[in-house]
Structure formats: C-alpha cells, structure tokens
Amino acid sequence: MTTDASDEWKRWHEQRVATVSAPYGPLALTGTYWLEDCPDGRLPDIPGTWAADGDAVTLTATGADGLTVDGRPLDGTARLTADPGPASAARVAHGERRLVVLVREGVWGVRDFDPAAEARRAFRGIAATPHDPRWSVPGRFTPYDSGQRSVRVPNADGRERGLGLGGELAFALDGRRHTLQVTVEEDGSLWAVFADATSGSTSYRFRFLRPGAPDAEGRTTVDFNRALLPPCAFADHFICPFPPPGNTLEAAIEAGERELR
C-alpha cells in the first residue's frame, strides 16, 4: 500500500512540474496591472487602452495594435468581464501572449502571460520531499456556526484583502493536535494557507494545502506530502494571501513541495 501511495505521489509531482512549466502556467506570468494605477488606460508593454467600466472592462484598440478578442482582430472597443478559466483560454491575446482580465474586491486588473518569459527558461524543477506516510493523517472538518467568515490578511503584493474561511480542520501529528482555518471550495474540497517551523528556511515562506471534500461526518485526509508552493513562488506578480491568524503551525512540516530548484 505504501508503494502504491509513493508511486501515486510521484505521478502527482510530475504532473505538478508539467503544469507550472506549461506555456501559460504560473511561470509565464510577467505582470499584473491594476487599472486604478493606470488612469490613462495604458498598461506597461501592453497595447490598447484599458478602462474599468462598472462591472466590466473596456478595451479600445486599432488593428495596428495587434490585439485579438476571441480569436478575431480588435479594431474598436470590446467589453470584457473577468476571465473564468485558465490563462490559455483568455479572450484577449497579443501574439502568443494571453492577457487575462481579473477583478479583486471590485478592483479590475490585467495579467500578462508570456510563454517566452525568462522564468520558464530558467526553471529547473520543484524541490519536494519524497512521499512519507507519516505526513498523511486523518482530519476532521468543522464548519463555523456562523457560516463563512472573512478575515483581512496581507497579500504577496503588499496589499491587504479579505480571505473567506468556512471552518476549522483538526488533525494530529506525532500525537499533538493542530488546527487550520480553511476555505471551502465550490466543489466541497478544502483549501488552507499555512506556514510552519520550516517556512522561510528549508521551505518557502508559506504553502497551500488542498484536502479533499469531507464526508458527512466531516472526515477527510490531511496529506502534507501534497503541500503546494503558492503561485507567487513561481512569479512575483501573483497576489497570494498570507496565512490567516492561527495558521502558522509550530510543527516542522518537512514534506511536500519546499522551494524552487
């Protein structure tokens, strides 16, 4: 059984490396620009004029700008909502680049994904600790009585934003009880932003954990073998949230993804 788990982890790790190094993976992000910081509508090294307009963004360009929307050259003005899918499916393109429209707390922005990004060329892999069964333990999720809460936490770009939390995940490591405040995703799975005694030394300054959806009794598996580097470990232009209060573990989690090679 251990061998099966180890083999499955190796496949998971290989898939992670392939995903982050893909043409429009996180290593390809070369910029995140907030429209409120660009009142003239001109974004660095991005053609066209971009403006927030209520619940959307307007993009105005001429054919000479070389922008396309939904695969067709733009000569005029297009109204854009936030891109819901992966960067590769973004509606706006400039050559091989994909320009992703996003909104955070009512603030509109544009992300520039470029397959020719230097970070993709320099990537040598993810340093990760091989699978160890001691880091995979039972957990129990308890939702908050009051439903979802929002706490303000610093983000990797220096701004503070709300982080929605749906409950507490309890588990034990080496006989000691721990808890993490977690977000409940749309599919029922959990998401935690955490730090531990290795953070900032032998691991990145914080990491993500994504346990599966709890069963009717709140039971799930807490598997730190699959602790993830956050997107901002791959590109400075992501705005990852820092761990909320209570999510810095005293234990040294010497498992999962640790840092870039």
C-alpha atoms as a PDB file:
ATOM      1  CA  MET A   1       0.000   0.000   0.000  1.00  0.00           C
ATOM      2  CA  THR A   2       2.853   2.364   0.829  1.00  0.00           C
ATOM      3  CA  THR A   3       4.445   1.648  -2.532  1.00  0.00           C
ATOM      4  CA  ASP A   4       1.172   2.488  -4.288  1.00  0.00           C
ATOM      5  CA  ALA A   5       0.938   5.776  -2.365  1.00  0.00           C
ATOM      6  CA  SER A   6       4.539   6.595  -3.206  1.00  0.00           C
ATOM      7  CA  ASP A   7       4.016   5.855  -6.894  1.00  0.00           C
ATOM      8  CA  GLU A   8       0.858   7.962  -6.917  1.00  0.00           C
ATOM      9  CA  TRP A   9       2.765  10.834  -5.289  1.00  0.00           C
ATOM     10  CA  LYS A  10       5.481  10.611  -7.944  1.00  0.00           C
ATOM     11  CA  ARG A  11       2.852  10.894 -10.678  1.00  0.00           C
ATOM     12  CA  TRP A  12       1.284  13.822  -8.852  1.00  0.00           C
ATOM     13  CA  HIS A  13       4.661  15.559  -8.573  1.00  0.00           C
ATOM     14  CA  GLU A  14       5.455  15.002 -12.249  1.00  0.00           C
ATOM     15  CA  GLN A  15       2.075  16.453 -13.203  1.00  0.00           C
ATOM     16  CA  ARG A  16       2.675  19.485 -10.991  1.00  0.00           C
ATOM     17  CA  VAL A  17       6.023  20.177 -12.653  1.00  0.00           C
ATOM     18  CA  ALA A  18       4.384  19.885 -16.076  1.00  0.00           C
ATOM     19  CA  THR A  19       1.543  22.198 -15.059  1.00  0.00           C
ATOM     20  CA  VAL A  20       3.651  25.018 -13.615  1.00  0.00           C
ATOM     21  CA  SER A  21       6.077  24.928 -16.561  1.00  0.00           C
ATOM     22  CA  ALA A  22       3.356  24.849 -19.243  1.00  0.00           C
ATOM     23  CA  PRO A  23       3.280  27.700 -21.784  1.00  0.00           C
ATOM     24  CA  TYR A  24       0.621  29.544 -19.772  1.00  0.00           C
ATOM     25  CA  GLY A  25       1.420  28.181 -16.327  1.00  0.00           C
ATOM     26  CA  PRO A  26       2.405  30.397 -13.383  1.00  0.00           C
ATOM     27  CA  LEU A  27       5.999  30.720 -14.581  1.00  0.00           C
ATOM     28  CA  ALA A  28       4.703  32.572 -17.645  1.00  0.00           C
ATOM     29  CA  LEU A  29       3.182  35.470 -15.684  1.00  0.00           C
ATOM     30  CA  THR A  30       5.213  38.603 -16.398  1.00  0.00           C
ATOM     31  CA  GLY A  31       2.945  41.264 -14.916  1.00  0.00           C
ATOM     32  CA  THR A  32      -0.252  42.079 -13.022  1.00  0.00           C
ATOM     33  CA  TYR A  33      -1.532  45.596 -13.620  1.00  0.00           C
ATOM     34  CA  TRP A  34      -4.390  47.266 -11.720  1.00  0.00           C
ATOM     35  CA  LEU A  35      -6.359  49.708 -13.823  1.00  0.00           C
ATOM     36  CA  GLU A  36      -6.737  52.133 -10.932  1.00  0.00           C
ATOM     37  CA  ASP A  37      -2.927  52.507 -11.028  1.00  0.00           C
ATOM     38  CA  CYS A  38      -3.038  53.372 -14.743  1.00  0.00           C
ATOM     39  CA  PRO A  39      -5.529  56.276 -15.035  1.00  0.00           C
ATOM     40  CA  ASP A  40      -4.562  56.948 -18.658  1.00  0.00           C
ATOM     41  CA  GLY A  41      -5.590  53.396 -19.584  1.00  0.00           C
ATOM     42  CA  ARG A  42      -2.142  52.477 -20.839  1.00  0.00           C
ATOM     43  CA  LEU A  43      -0.579  49.355 -19.355  1.00  0.00           C
ATOM     44  CA  PRO A  44       3.179  48.675 -19.441  1.00  0.00           C
ATOM     45  CA  ASP A  45       4.153  46.980 -22.720  1.00  0.00           C
ATOM     46  CA  ILE A  46       0.504  46.113 -23.475  1.00  0.00           C
ATOM     47  CA  PRO A  47      -1.247  47.716 -26.463  1.00  0.00           C
ATOM     48  CA  GLY A  48      -4.660  49.327 -26.365  1.00  0.00           C
ATOM     49  CA  THR A  49      -6.481  51.497 -23.869  1.00  0.00           C
ATOM     50  CA  TRP A  50      -7.987  49.706 -20.866  1.00  0.00           C
ATOM     51  CA  ALA A  51     -10.625  51.175 -18.561  1.00  0.00           C
ATOM     52  CA  ALA A  52     -12.819  49.929 -15.728  1.00  0.00           C
ATOM     53  CA  ASP A  53     -16.492  50.442 -16.546  1.00  0.00           C
ATOM     54  CA  GLY A  54     -18.737  49.274 -13.732  1.00  0.00           C
ATOM     55  CA  ASP A  55     -18.977  45.503 -13.847  1.00  0.00           C
ATOM     56  CA  ALA A  56     -16.616  45.129 -16.796  1.00  0.00           C
ATOM     57  CA  VAL A  57     -13.509  46.432 -18.538  1.00  0.00           C
ATOM     58  CA  THR A  58     -13.474  48.196 -21.888  1.00  0.00           C
ATOM     59  CA  LEU A  59     -10.565  47.661 -24.254  1.00  0.00           C
ATOM     60  CA  THR A  60     -10.107  50.027 -27.181  1.00  0.00           C
ATOM     61  CA  ALA A  61      -7.567  49.270 -29.903  1.00  0.00           C
ATOM     62  CA  THR A  62      -6.888  49.589 -33.605  1.00  0.00           C
ATOM     63  CA  GLY A  63      -5.901  46.828 -35.970  1.00  0.00           C
ATOM     64  CA  ALA A  64      -2.306  48.085 -35.815  1.00  0.00           C
ATOM     65  CA  ASP A  65      -2.145  47.205 -32.110  1.00  0.00           C
ATOM     66  CA  GLY A  66      -2.234  43.517 -32.958  1.00  0.00           C
ATOM     67  CA  LEU A  67      -4.739  42.535 -30.261  1.00  0.00           C
ATOM     68  CA  THR A  68      -7.329  39.841 -30.773  1.00  0.00           C
ATOM     69  CA  VAL A  69     -10.523  39.142 -28.835  1.00  0.00           C
ATOM     70  CA  ASP A  70     -11.984  35.657 -29.123  1.00  0.00           C
ATOM     71  CA  GLY A  71      -9.503  34.992 -31.930  1.00  0.00           C
ATOM     72  CA  ARG A  72     -10.570  37.973 -34.060  1.00  0.00           C
ATOM     73  CA  PRO A  73      -8.544  41.189 -34.589  1.00  0.00           C
ATOM     74  CA  LEU A  74      -9.829  44.086 -32.493  1.00  0.00           C
ATOM     75  CA  ASP A  75     -10.438  47.393 -34.243  1.00  0.00           C
ATOM     76  CA  GLY A  76     -12.720  49.338 -31.954  1.00  0.00           C
ATOM     77  CA  THR A  77     -13.925  48.707 -28.404  1.00  0.00           C
ATOM     78  CA  ALA A  78     -14.654  45.419 -26.645  1.00  0.00           C
ATOM     79  CA  ARG A  79     -16.380  44.979 -23.298  1.00  0.00           C
ATOM     80  CA  LEU A  80     -14.746  42.306 -21.155  1.00  0.00           C
ATOM     81  CA  THR A  81     -15.695  40.552 -17.942  1.00  0.00           C
ATOM     82  CA  ALA A  82     -13.301  38.605 -15.752  1.00  0.00           C
ATOM     83  CA  ASP A  83     -11.803  35.529 -17.418  1.00  0.00           C
ATOM     84  CA  PRO A  84     -13.145  32.485 -15.572  1.00  0.00           C
ATOM     85  CA  GLY A  85     -10.809  29.827 -16.914  1.00  0.00           C
ATOM     86  CA  PRO A  86      -7.092  29.175 -17.317  1.00  0.00           C
ATOM     87  CA  ALA A  87      -4.795  31.766 -18.861  1.00  0.00           C
ATOM     88  CA  SER A  88      -4.587  29.709 -22.052  1.00  0.00           C
ATOM     89  CA  ALA A  89      -8.317  30.357 -22.577  1.00  0.00           C
ATOM     90  CA  ALA A  90      -8.171  34.145 -22.048  1.00  0.00           C
ATOM     91  CA  ARG A  91     -10.284  36.097 -24.528  1.00  0.00           C
ATOM     92  CA  VAL A  92      -7.581  38.700 -25.289  1.00  0.00           C
ATOM     93  CA  ALA A  93      -4.293  37.805 -26.952  1.00  0.00           C
ATOM     94  CA  HIS A  94      -1.298  39.674 -28.337  1.00  0.00           C
ATOM     95  CA  GLY A  95       0.618  37.210 -30.460  1.00  0.00           C
ATOM     96  CA  GLU A  96       1.478  34.296 -28.181  1.00  0.00           C
ATOM     97  CA  ARG A  97       0.778  36.333 -25.052  1.00  0.00           C
ATOM     98  CA  ARG A  98      -2.519  35.974 -23.189  1.00  0.00           C
ATOM     99  CA  LEU A  99      -3.993  38.967 -21.373  1.00  0.00           C
ATOM    100  CA  VAL A 100      -6.194  37.805 -18.522  1.00  0.00           C
ATOM    101  CA  VAL A 101      -8.830  40.150 -17.100  1.00  0.00           C
ATOM    102  CA  LEU A 102      -9.360  39.779 -13.349  1.00  0.00           C
ATOM    103  CA  VAL A 103     -11.186  41.558 -10.536  1.00  0.00           C
ATOM    104  CA  ARG A 104     -10.396  41.540  -6.825  1.00  0.00           C
ATOM    105  CA  GLU A 105     -12.712  43.269  -4.359  1.00  0.00           C
ATOM    106  CA  GLY A 106     -14.083  45.471  -7.120  1.00  0.00           C
ATOM    107  CA  VAL A 107     -10.667  46.446  -8.493  1.00  0.00           C
ATOM    108  CA  TRP A 108     -10.043  45.446 -12.109  1.00  0.00           C
ATOM    109  CA  GLY A 109      -6.715  44.294 -13.446  1.00  0.00           C
ATOM    110  CA  VAL A 110      -4.933  42.592 -16.326  1.00  0.00           C
ATOM    111  CA  ARG A 111      -2.383  39.815 -16.164  1.00  0.00           C
ATOM    112  CA  ASP A 112       0.186  39.281 -18.897  1.00  0.00           C
ATOM    113  CA  PHE A 113       1.143  35.660 -19.558  1.00  0.00           C
ATOM    114  CA  ASP A 114       4.049  35.209 -21.966  1.00  0.00           C
ATOM    115  CA  PRO A 115       5.317  31.733 -22.945  1.00  0.00           C
ATOM    116  CA  ALA A 116       8.696  33.349 -23.649  1.00  0.00           C
ATOM    117  CA  ALA A 117       9.045  34.516 -20.018  1.00  0.00           C
ATOM    118  CA  GLU A 118      12.552  34.232 -18.608  1.00  0.00           C
ATOM    119  CA  ALA A 119      11.228  32.308 -15.592  1.00  0.00           C
ATOM    120  CA  ARG A 120      10.100  29.458 -17.863  1.00  0.00           C
ATOM    121  CA  ARG A 121      13.533  29.203 -19.445  1.00  0.00           C
ATOM    122  CA  ALA A 122      15.283  29.302 -16.071  1.00  0.00           C
ATOM    123  CA  PHE A 123      13.012  26.740 -14.374  1.00  0.00           C
ATOM    124  CA  ARG A 124      14.856  23.644 -13.111  1.00  0.00           C
ATOM    125  CA  GLY A 125      12.064  21.951 -11.165  1.00  0.00           C
ATOM    126  CA  ILE A 126      10.449  21.922  -7.744  1.00  0.00           C
ATOM    127  CA  ALA A 127      12.359  20.678  -4.725  1.00  0.00           C
ATOM    128  CA  ALA A 128       9.942  18.319  -2.960  1.00  0.00           C
ATOM    129  CA  THR A 129      10.352  15.762  -0.190  1.00  0.00           C
ATOM    130  CA  PRO A 130       9.557  12.188  -1.305  1.00  0.00           C
ATOM    131  CA  HIS A 131       6.340  10.653  -0.014  1.00  0.00           C
ATOM    132  CA  ASP A 132       6.356   9.656   3.640  1.00  0.00           C
ATOM    133  CA  PRO A 133       3.199   8.074   5.109  1.00  0.00           C
ATOM    134  CA  ARG A 134       3.690   9.809   8.475  1.00  0.00           C
ATOM    135  CA  TRP A 135       2.633  13.104   6.871  1.00  0.00           C
ATOM    136  CA  SER A 136      -0.758  11.770   5.734  1.00  0.00           C
ATOM    137  CA  VAL A 137      -3.187  11.739   8.662  1.00  0.00           C
ATOM    138  CA  PRO A 138      -6.935  11.736   9.308  1.00  0.00           C
ATOM    139  CA  GLY A 139      -8.572  15.119   9.708  1.00  0.00           C
ATOM    140  CA  ARG A 140     -11.972  16.390  10.759  1.00  0.00           C
ATOM    141  CA  PHE A 141     -13.593  19.498   9.382  1.00  0.00           C
ATOM    142  CA  THR A 142     -15.991  21.551  11.495  1.00  0.00           C
ATOM    143  CA  PRO A 143     -17.828  24.391   9.723  1.00  0.00           C
ATOM    144  CA  TYR A 144     -18.308  27.659  11.550  1.00  0.00           C
ATOM    145  CA  ASP A 145     -21.694  28.039  13.211  1.00  0.00           C
ATOM    146  CA  SER A 146     -21.971  31.493  11.665  1.00  0.00           C
ATOM    147  CA  GLY A 147     -21.182  30.272   8.158  1.00  0.00           C
ATOM    148  CA  GLN A 148     -18.349  31.773   6.150  1.00  0.00           C
ATOM    149  CA  ARG A 149     -16.138  34.406   7.731  1.00  0.00           C
ATOM    150  CA  SER A 150     -13.862  36.902   6.035  1.00  0.00           C
ATOM    151  CA  VAL A 151     -10.580  37.999   7.583  1.00  0.00           C
ATOM    152  CA  ARG A 152      -8.223  40.648   6.262  1.00  0.00           C
ATOM    153  CA  VAL A 153      -4.754  39.295   5.514  1.00  0.00           C
ATOM    154  CA  PRO A 154      -1.694  40.736   3.800  1.00  0.00           C
ATOM    155  CA  ASN A 155      -1.118  39.587   0.231  1.00  0.00           C
ATOM    156  CA  ALA A 156       2.149  38.951  -1.600  1.00  0.00           C
ATOM    157  CA  ASP A 157       1.847  42.271  -3.465  1.00  0.00           C
ATOM    158  CA  GLY A 158       1.826  44.246  -0.206  1.00  0.00           C
ATOM    159  CA  ARG A 159      -1.911  44.947  -0.192  1.00  0.00           C
ATOM    160  CA  GLU A 160      -4.436  43.620   2.303  1.00  0.00           C
ATOM    161  CA  ARG A 161      -7.510  41.728   1.114  1.00  0.00           C
ATOM    162  CA  GLY A 162     -10.282  39.599   2.528  1.00  0.00           C
ATOM    163  CA  LEU A 163      -9.863  35.829   2.792  1.00  0.00           C
ATOM    164  CA  GLY A 164     -13.041  33.781   3.083  1.00  0.00           C
ATOM    165  CA  LEU A 165     -12.924  30.978   5.656  1.00  0.00           C
ATOM    166  CA  GLY A 166     -15.556  28.296   6.140  1.00  0.00           C
ATOM    167  CA  GLY A 167     -14.410  26.319   9.160  1.00  0.00           C
ATOM    168  CA  GLU A 168     -11.671  24.555  11.082  1.00  0.00           C
ATOM    169  CA  LEU A 169      -9.723  21.454  10.123  1.00  0.00           C
ATOM    170  CA  ALA A 170      -8.354  19.479  13.079  1.00  0.00           C
ATOM    171  CA  PHE A 171      -5.695  16.743  12.888  1.00  0.00           C
ATOM    172  CA  ALA A 172      -2.838  15.259  14.894  1.00  0.00           C
ATOM    173  CA  LEU A 173       0.854  14.900  14.075  1.00  0.00           C
ATOM    174  CA  ASP A 174       3.089  12.815  16.323  1.00  0.00           C
ATOM    175  CA  GLY A 175       0.367  12.813  18.954  1.00  0.00           C
ATOM    176  CA  ARG A 176      -0.049  16.585  19.011  1.00  0.00           C
ATOM    177  CA  ARG A 177      -3.302  18.229  17.904  1.00  0.00           C
ATOM    178  CA  HIS A 178      -3.261  21.015  15.342  1.00  0.00           C
ATOM    179  CA  THR A 179      -5.895  23.077  13.577  1.00  0.00           C
ATOM    180  CA  LEU A 180      -6.051  25.085  10.359  1.00  0.00           C
ATOM    181  CA  GLN A 181      -8.658  27.620   9.316  1.00  0.00           C
ATOM    182  CA  VAL A 182      -9.783  26.579   5.831  1.00  0.00           C
ATOM    183  CA  THR A 183     -11.744  27.817   2.850  1.00  0.00           C
ATOM    184  CA  VAL A 184     -14.454  25.586   1.399  1.00  0.00           C
ATOM    185  CA  GLU A 185     -14.226  25.485  -2.402  1.00  0.00           C
ATOM    186  CA  GLU A 186     -17.226  25.263  -4.740  1.00  0.00           C
ATOM    187  CA  ASP A 187     -16.713  21.501  -5.182  1.00  0.00           C
ATOM    188  CA  GLY A 188     -16.652  20.950  -1.418  1.00  0.00           C
ATOM    189  CA  SER A 189     -12.888  20.453  -1.182  1.00  0.00           C
ATOM    190  CA  LEU A 190     -10.854  22.448   1.332  1.00  0.00           C
ATOM    191  CA  TRP A 191      -8.050  24.957   0.907  1.00  0.00           C
ATOM    192  CA  ALA A 192      -5.642  26.136   3.573  1.00  0.00           C
ATOM    193  CA  VAL A 193      -2.869  28.720   3.519  1.00  0.00           C
ATOM    194  CA  PHE A 194      -0.336  27.742   6.161  1.00  0.00           C
ATOM    195  CA  ALA A 195       3.162  28.295   7.459  1.00  0.00           C
ATOM    196  CA  ASP A 196       5.200  26.053   9.760  1.00  0.00           C
ATOM    197  CA  ALA A 197       8.557  25.813  11.515  1.00  0.00           C
ATOM    198  CA  THR A 198      10.353  25.262   8.180  1.00  0.00           C
ATOM    199  CA  SER A 199       8.827  28.307   6.459  1.00  0.00           C
ATOM    200  CA  GLY A 200      11.405  30.803   5.292  1.00  0.00           C
ATOM    201  CA  SER A 201      14.291  28.412   5.999  1.00  0.00           C
ATOM    202  CA  THR A 202      14.060  24.995   4.343  1.00  0.00           C
ATOM    203  CA  SER A 203      10.670  25.727   2.766  1.00  0.00           C
ATOM    204  CA  TYR A 204       9.046  28.683   1.043  1.00  0.00           C
ATOM    205  CA  ARG A 205       7.635  31.317   3.418  1.00  0.00           C
ATOM    206  CA  PHE A 206       4.155  29.752   3.275  1.00  0.00           C
ATOM    207  CA  ARG A 207       2.382  26.997   1.363  1.00  0.00           C
ATOM    208  CA  PHE A 208      -1.040  25.788   0.294  1.00  0.00           C
ATOM    209  CA  LEU A 209      -2.835  22.578   1.227  1.00  0.00           C
ATOM    210  CA  ARG A 210      -5.883  21.183  -0.585  1.00  0.00           C
ATOM    211  CA  PRO A 211      -7.598  18.335   1.318  1.00  0.00           C
ATOM    212  CA  GLY A 212     -10.448  16.522  -0.374  1.00  0.00           C
ATOM    213  CA  ALA A 213     -14.102  17.230   0.396  1.00  0.00           C
ATOM    214  CA  PRO A 214     -15.067  15.969   3.875  1.00  0.00           C
ATOM    215  CA  ASP A 215     -17.664  13.232   4.187  1.00  0.00           C
ATOM    216  CA  ALA A 216     -20.972  13.664   6.026  1.00  0.00           C
ATOM    217  CA  GLU A 217     -19.141  13.277   9.350  1.00  0.00           C
ATOM    218  CA  GLY A 218     -16.547  15.892   8.433  1.00  0.00           C
ATOM    219  CA  ARG A 219     -13.792  13.340   7.882  1.00  0.00           C
ATOM    220  CA  THR A 220     -11.060  13.918   5.311  1.00  0.00           C
ATOM    221  CA  THR A 221      -7.340  13.256   4.862  1.00  0.00           C
ATOM    222  CA  VAL A 222      -4.698  15.847   5.672  1.00  0.00           C
ATOM    223  CA  ASP A 223      -1.782  14.945   3.405  1.00  0.00           C
ATOM    224  CA  PHE A 224       1.195  17.258   3.749  1.00  0.00           C
ATOM    225  CA  ASN A 225       3.019  15.171   1.142  1.00  0.00           C
ATOM    226  CA  ARG A 226       0.988  17.306  -1.257  1.00  0.00           C
ATOM    227  CA  ALA A 227       1.712  20.661   0.304  1.00  0.00           C
ATOM    228  CA  LEU A 228       1.964  23.119  -2.574  1.00  0.00           C
ATOM    229  CA  LEU A 229       4.097  26.111  -3.337  1.00  0.00           C
ATOM    230  CA  PRO A 230       1.788  29.082  -3.894  1.00  0.00           C
ATOM    231  CA  PRO A 231       1.729  30.738  -7.328  1.00  0.00           C
ATOM    232  CA  CYS A 232       3.804  33.679  -6.038  1.00  0.00           C
ATOM    233  CA  ALA A 233       6.716  31.258  -5.536  1.00  0.00           C
ATOM    234  CA  PHE A 234       6.870  30.984  -9.337  1.00  0.00           C
ATOM    235  CA  ALA A 235       6.230  34.633 -10.290  1.00  0.00           C
ATOM    236  CA  ASP A 236       6.344  37.810  -8.205  1.00  0.00           C
ATOM    237  CA  HIS A 237       3.226  39.138  -9.940  1.00  0.00           C
ATOM    238  CA  PHE A 238       0.740  36.863  -8.150  1.00  0.00           C
ATOM    239  CA  ILE A 239      -1.164  38.236  -5.164  1.00  0.00           C
ATOM    240  CA  CYS A 240      -1.308  35.151  -2.939  1.00  0.00           C
ATOM    241  CA  PRO A 241      -2.784  35.633   0.537  1.00  0.00           C
ATOM    242  CA  PHE A 242      -0.560  35.085   3.543  1.00  0.00           C
ATOM    243  CA  PRO A 243      -1.682  32.612   6.251  1.00  0.00           C
ATOM    244  CA  PRO A 244      -4.575  33.879   8.365  1.00  0.00           C
ATOM    245  CA  PRO A 245      -4.251  34.097  12.162  1.00  0.00           C
ATOM    246  CA  GLY A 246      -3.817  30.638  13.690  1.00  0.00           C
ATOM    247  CA  ASN A 247      -2.448  29.004  10.527  1.00  0.00           C
ATOM    248  CA  THR A 248       1.220  29.067  11.479  1.00  0.00           C
ATOM    249  CA  LEU A 249       1.960  25.593  12.823  1.00  0.00           C
ATOM    250  CA  GLU A 250       4.614  25.009  15.479  1.00  0.00           C
ATOM    251  CA  ALA A 251       5.451  21.669  13.858  1.00  0.00           C
ATOM    252  CA  ALA A 252       8.175  21.408  11.212  1.00  0.00           C
ATOM    253  CA  ILE A 253       6.328  20.119   8.129  1.00  0.00           C
ATOM    254  CA  GLU A 254       9.226  18.515   6.287  1.00  0.00           C
ATOM    255  CA  ALA A 255       7.043  17.265   3.462  1.00  0.00           C
ATOM    256  CA  GLY A 256       5.636  18.215   0.093  1.00  0.00           C
ATOM    257  CA  GLU A 257       6.886  20.982  -2.164  1.00  0.00           C
ATOM    258  CA  ARG A 258       9.578  23.023  -0.435  1.00  0.00           C
ATOM    259  CA  GLU A 259      11.026  25.552  -2.881  1.00  0.00           C
ATOM    260  CA  LEU A 260      12.148  26.030  -6.477  1.00  0.00           C
ATOM    261  CA  ARG A 261      15.320  24.285  -7.530  1.00  0.00           C
END
